[in-house]
Amino acid sequence: MYMILNYQSFERGVTFSFLKHFILITERNSILIQNEQESLYRVG
């Protein structure tokens, strides 16, 4: 019983850290895209 509960909480932790990592990557990509658009706008 303890092992099953432990595994469930471990699975939840992995899912949470994966989601956090994905959100960080998405935010970084959107910032990069914004910077590219601004530099293109300045050149144009």
PDB file of N, CA and C in Angstrom:
ATOM      1  N   MET A   1       0.835  -1.198   0.000  1.00  0.00           N
ATOM      2  CA  MET A   1       0.000   0.000   0.000  1.00  0.00           C
ATOM      3  C   MET A   1       0.875   1.255   0.000  1.00  0.00           C
ATOM      4  N   TYR A   2       1.871   1.260   0.846  1.00  0.00           N
ATOM      5  CA  TYR A   2       2.736   2.440   0.920  1.00  0.00           C
ATOM      6  C   TYR A   2       3.452   2.666  -0.413  1.00  0.00           C
ATOM      7  N   MET A   3       3.898   1.566  -1.031  1.00  0.00           N
ATOM      8  CA  MET A   3       4.612   1.710  -2.297  1.00  0.00           C
ATOM      9  C   MET A   3       3.708   2.309  -3.365  1.00  0.00           C
ATOM     10  N   ILE A   4       2.445   1.902  -3.391  1.00  0.00           N
ATOM     11  CA  ILE A   4       1.529   2.425  -4.402  1.00  0.00           C
ATOM     12  C   ILE A   4       1.336   3.932  -4.199  1.00  0.00           C
ATOM     13  N   LEU A   5       1.106   4.336  -2.950  1.00  0.00           N
ATOM     14  CA  LEU A   5       0.930   5.767  -2.672  1.00  0.00           C
ATOM     15  C   LEU A   5       2.193   6.531  -3.044  1.00  0.00           C
ATOM     16  N   ASN A   6       3.340   5.957  -2.706  1.00  0.00           N
ATOM     17  CA  ASN A   6       4.597   6.616  -3.009  1.00  0.00           C
ATOM     18  C   ASN A   6       4.748   6.794  -4.518  1.00  0.00           C
ATOM     19  N   TYR A   7       4.398   5.754  -5.278  1.00  0.00           N
ATOM     20  CA  TYR A   7       4.539   5.831  -6.727  1.00  0.00           C
ATOM     21  C   TYR A   7       3.604   6.884  -7.309  1.00  0.00           C
ATOM     22  N   GLN A   8       2.379   6.975  -6.774  1.00  0.00           N
ATOM     23  CA  GLN A   8       1.439   7.974  -7.286  1.00  0.00           C
ATOM     24  C   GLN A   8       1.969   9.383  -7.052  1.00  0.00           C
ATOM     25  N   SER A   9       2.478   9.655  -5.863  1.00  0.00           N
ATOM     26  CA  SER A   9       2.994  10.996  -5.586  1.00  0.00           C
ATOM     27  C   SER A   9       4.229  11.262  -6.449  1.00  0.00           C
ATOM     28  N   PHE A  10       5.051  10.246  -6.684  1.00  0.00           N
ATOM     29  CA  PHE A  10       6.220  10.407  -7.547  1.00  0.00           C
ATOM     30  C   PHE A  10       5.784  10.758  -8.963  1.00  0.00           C
ATOM     31  N   GLU A  11       4.748  10.052  -9.457  1.00  0.00           N
ATOM     32  CA  GLU A  11       4.248  10.317 -10.802  1.00  0.00           C
ATOM     33  C   GLU A  11       3.731  11.751 -10.895  1.00  0.00           C
ATOM     34  N   ARG A  12       2.996  12.176  -9.870  1.00  0.00           N
ATOM     35  CA  ARG A  12       2.453  13.531  -9.871  1.00  0.00           C
ATOM     36  C   ARG A  12       3.579  14.561  -9.877  1.00  0.00           C
ATOM     37  N   GLY A  13       4.632  14.298  -9.116  1.00  0.00           N
ATOM     38  CA  GLY A  13       5.754  15.233  -9.083  1.00  0.00           C
ATOM     39  C   GLY A  13       6.426  15.334 -10.442  1.00  0.00           C
ATOM     40  N   VAL A  14       6.600  14.202 -11.122  1.00  0.00           N
ATOM     41  CA  VAL A  14       7.220  14.220 -12.445  1.00  0.00           C
ATOM     42  C   VAL A  14       6.350  15.015 -13.412  1.00  0.00           C
ATOM     43  N   THR A  15       5.031  14.782 -13.364  1.00  0.00           N
ATOM     44  CA  THR A  15       4.135  15.509 -14.258  1.00  0.00           C
ATOM     45  C   THR A  15       4.208  17.002 -13.983  1.00  0.00           C
ATOM     46  N   PHE A  16       4.233  17.384 -12.712  1.00  0.00           N
ATOM     47  CA  PHE A  16       4.262  18.803 -12.360  1.00  0.00           C
ATOM     48  C   PHE A  16       5.554  19.453 -12.841  1.00  0.00           C
ATOM     49  N   SER A  17       6.696  18.790 -12.612  1.00  0.00           N
ATOM     50  CA  SER A  17       7.965  19.375 -13.035  1.00  0.00           C
ATOM     51  C   SER A  17       8.022  19.469 -14.556  1.00  0.00           C
ATOM     52  N   PHE A  18       7.437  18.495 -15.260  1.00  0.00           N
ATOM     53  CA  PHE A  18       7.416  18.552 -16.719  1.00  0.00           C
ATOM     54  C   PHE A  18       6.596  19.738 -17.194  1.00  0.00           C
ATOM     55  N   LEU A  19       5.428  19.950 -16.560  1.00  0.00           N
ATOM     56  CA  LEU A  19       4.586  21.089 -16.944  1.00  0.00           C
ATOM     57  C   LEU A  19       5.316  22.403 -16.675  1.00  0.00           C
ATOM     58  N   LYS A  20       5.991  22.503 -15.521  1.00  0.00           N
ATOM     59  CA  LYS A  20       6.708  23.729 -15.193  1.00  0.00           C
ATOM     60  C   LYS A  20       7.805  23.984 -16.226  1.00  0.00           C
ATOM     61  N   HIS A  21       8.541  22.927 -16.601  1.00  0.00           N
ATOM     62  CA  HIS A  21       9.601  23.043 -17.589  1.00  0.00           C
ATOM     63  C   HIS A  21       9.023  23.502 -18.925  1.00  0.00           C
ATOM     64  N   PHE A  22       7.877  22.916 -19.321  1.00  0.00           N
ATOM     65  CA  PHE A  22       7.250  23.262 -20.595  1.00  0.00           C
ATOM     66  C   PHE A  22       6.826  24.727 -20.606  1.00  0.00           C
ATOM     67  N   ILE A  23       6.260  25.205 -19.479  1.00  0.00           N
ATOM     68  CA  ILE A  23       5.826  26.607 -19.404  1.00  0.00           C
ATOM     69  C   ILE A  23       7.034  27.533 -19.510  1.00  0.00           C
ATOM     70  N   LEU A  24       8.141  27.178 -18.856  1.00  0.00           N
ATOM     71  CA  LEU A  24       9.339  28.013 -18.933  1.00  0.00           C
ATOM     72  C   LEU A  24       9.835  28.095 -20.370  1.00  0.00           C
ATOM     73  N   ILE A  25       9.873  26.957 -21.079  1.00  0.00           N
ATOM     74  CA  ILE A  25      10.332  26.952 -22.470  1.00  0.00           C
ATOM     75  C   ILE A  25       9.418  27.810 -23.329  1.00  0.00           C
ATOM     76  N   THR A  26       8.098  27.691 -23.122  1.00  0.00           N
ATOM     77  CA  THR A  26       7.148  28.462 -23.918  1.00  0.00           C
ATOM     78  C   THR A  26       7.343  29.952 -23.684  1.00  0.00           C
ATOM     79  N   GLU A  27       7.518  30.360 -22.426  1.00  0.00           N
ATOM     80  CA  GLU A  27       7.727  31.781 -22.133  1.00  0.00           C
ATOM     81  C   GLU A  27       9.003  32.276 -22.792  1.00  0.00           C
ATOM     82  N   ARG A  28      10.072  31.490 -22.725  1.00  0.00           N
ATOM     83  CA  ARG A  28      11.341  31.902 -23.323  1.00  0.00           C
ATOM     84  C   ARG A  28      11.187  32.041 -24.834  1.00  0.00           C
ATOM     85  N   ASN A  29      10.484  31.098 -25.471  1.00  0.00           N
ATOM     86  CA  ASN A  29      10.293  31.172 -26.913  1.00  0.00           C
ATOM     87  C   ASN A  29       9.497  32.407 -27.297  1.00  0.00           C
ATOM     88  N   SER A  30       8.437  32.736 -26.540  1.00  0.00           N
ATOM     89  CA  SER A  30       7.633  33.907 -26.886  1.00  0.00           C
ATOM     90  C   SER A  30       8.466  35.177 -26.725  1.00  0.00           C
ATOM     91  N   ILE A  31       9.354  35.219 -25.725  1.00  0.00           N
ATOM     92  CA  ILE A  31      10.218  36.393 -25.558  1.00  0.00           C
ATOM     93  C   ILE A  31      11.169  36.497 -26.744  1.00  0.00           C
ATOM     94  N   LEU A  32      11.734  35.378 -27.183  1.00  0.00           N
ATOM     95  CA  LEU A  32      12.633  35.400 -28.334  1.00  0.00           C
ATOM     96  C   LEU A  32      11.897  35.881 -29.575  1.00  0.00           C
ATOM     97  N   ILE A  33      10.670  35.403 -29.783  1.00  0.00           N
ATOM     98  CA  ILE A  33       9.892  35.811 -30.950  1.00  0.00           C
ATOM     99  C   ILE A  33       9.615  37.310 -30.886  1.00  0.00           C
ATOM    100  N   GLN A  34       9.266  37.824 -29.711  1.00  0.00           N
ATOM    101  CA  GLN A  34       9.017  39.260 -29.565  1.00  0.00           C
ATOM    102  C   GLN A  34      10.271  40.050 -29.913  1.00  0.00           C
ATOM    103  N   ASN A  35      11.429  39.619 -29.441  1.00  0.00           N
ATOM    104  CA  ASN A  35      12.671  40.330 -29.734  1.00  0.00           C
ATOM    105  C   ASN A  35      12.953  40.316 -31.231  1.00  0.00           C
ATOM    106  N   GLU A  36      12.725  39.186 -31.897  1.00  0.00           N
ATOM    107  CA  GLU A  36      12.947  39.113 -33.340  1.00  0.00           C
ATOM    108  C   GLU A  36      12.028  40.085 -34.066  1.00  0.00           C
ATOM    109  N   GLN A  37      10.758  40.107 -33.684  1.00  0.00           N
ATOM    110  CA  GLN A  37       9.807  40.999 -34.339  1.00  0.00           C
ATOM    111  C   GLN A  37      10.206  42.457 -34.130  1.00  0.00           C
ATOM    112  N   GLU A  38      10.653  42.813 -32.936  1.00  0.00           N
ATOM    113  CA  GLU A  38      11.050  44.194 -32.675  1.00  0.00           C
ATOM    114  C   GLU A  38      12.265  44.574 -33.513  1.00  0.00           C
ATOM    115  N   SER A  39      13.248  43.686 -33.632  1.00  0.00           N
ATOM    116  CA  SER A  39      14.437  44.006 -34.417  1.00  0.00           C
ATOM    117  C   SER A  39      14.072  44.118 -35.898  1.00  0.00           C
ATOM    118  N   LEU A  40      13.174  43.247 -36.382  1.00  0.00           N
ATOM    119  CA  LEU A  40      12.724  43.359 -37.770  1.00  0.00           C
ATOM    120  C   LEU A  40      12.016  44.690 -37.986  1.00  0.00           C
ATOM    121  N   TYR A  41      11.207  45.079 -37.017  1.00  0.00           N
ATOM    122  CA  TYR A  41      10.463  46.334 -37.136  1.00  0.00           C
ATOM    123  C   TYR A  41      11.430  47.521 -37.159  1.00  0.00           C
ATOM    124  N   ARG A  42      12.480  47.473 -36.369  1.00  0.00           N
ATOM    125  CA  ARG A  42      13.462  48.562 -36.343  1.00  0.00           C
ATOM    126  C   ARG A  42      14.180  48.655 -37.687  1.00  0.00           C
ATOM    127  N   VAL A  43      14.570  47.504 -38.238  1.00  0.00           N
ATOM    128  CA  VAL A  43      15.282  47.510 -39.519  1.00  0.00           C
ATOM    129  C   VAL A  43      14.359  48.017 -40.618  1.00  0.00           C
ATOM    130  N   GLY A  44      13.116  47.546 -40.610  1.00  0.00           N
ATOM    131  CA  GLY A  44      12.164  47.949 -41.641  1.00  0.00           C
ATOM    132  C   GLY A  44      11.809  49.412 -41.472  1.00  0.00           C
TER     133      GLY A  44
END
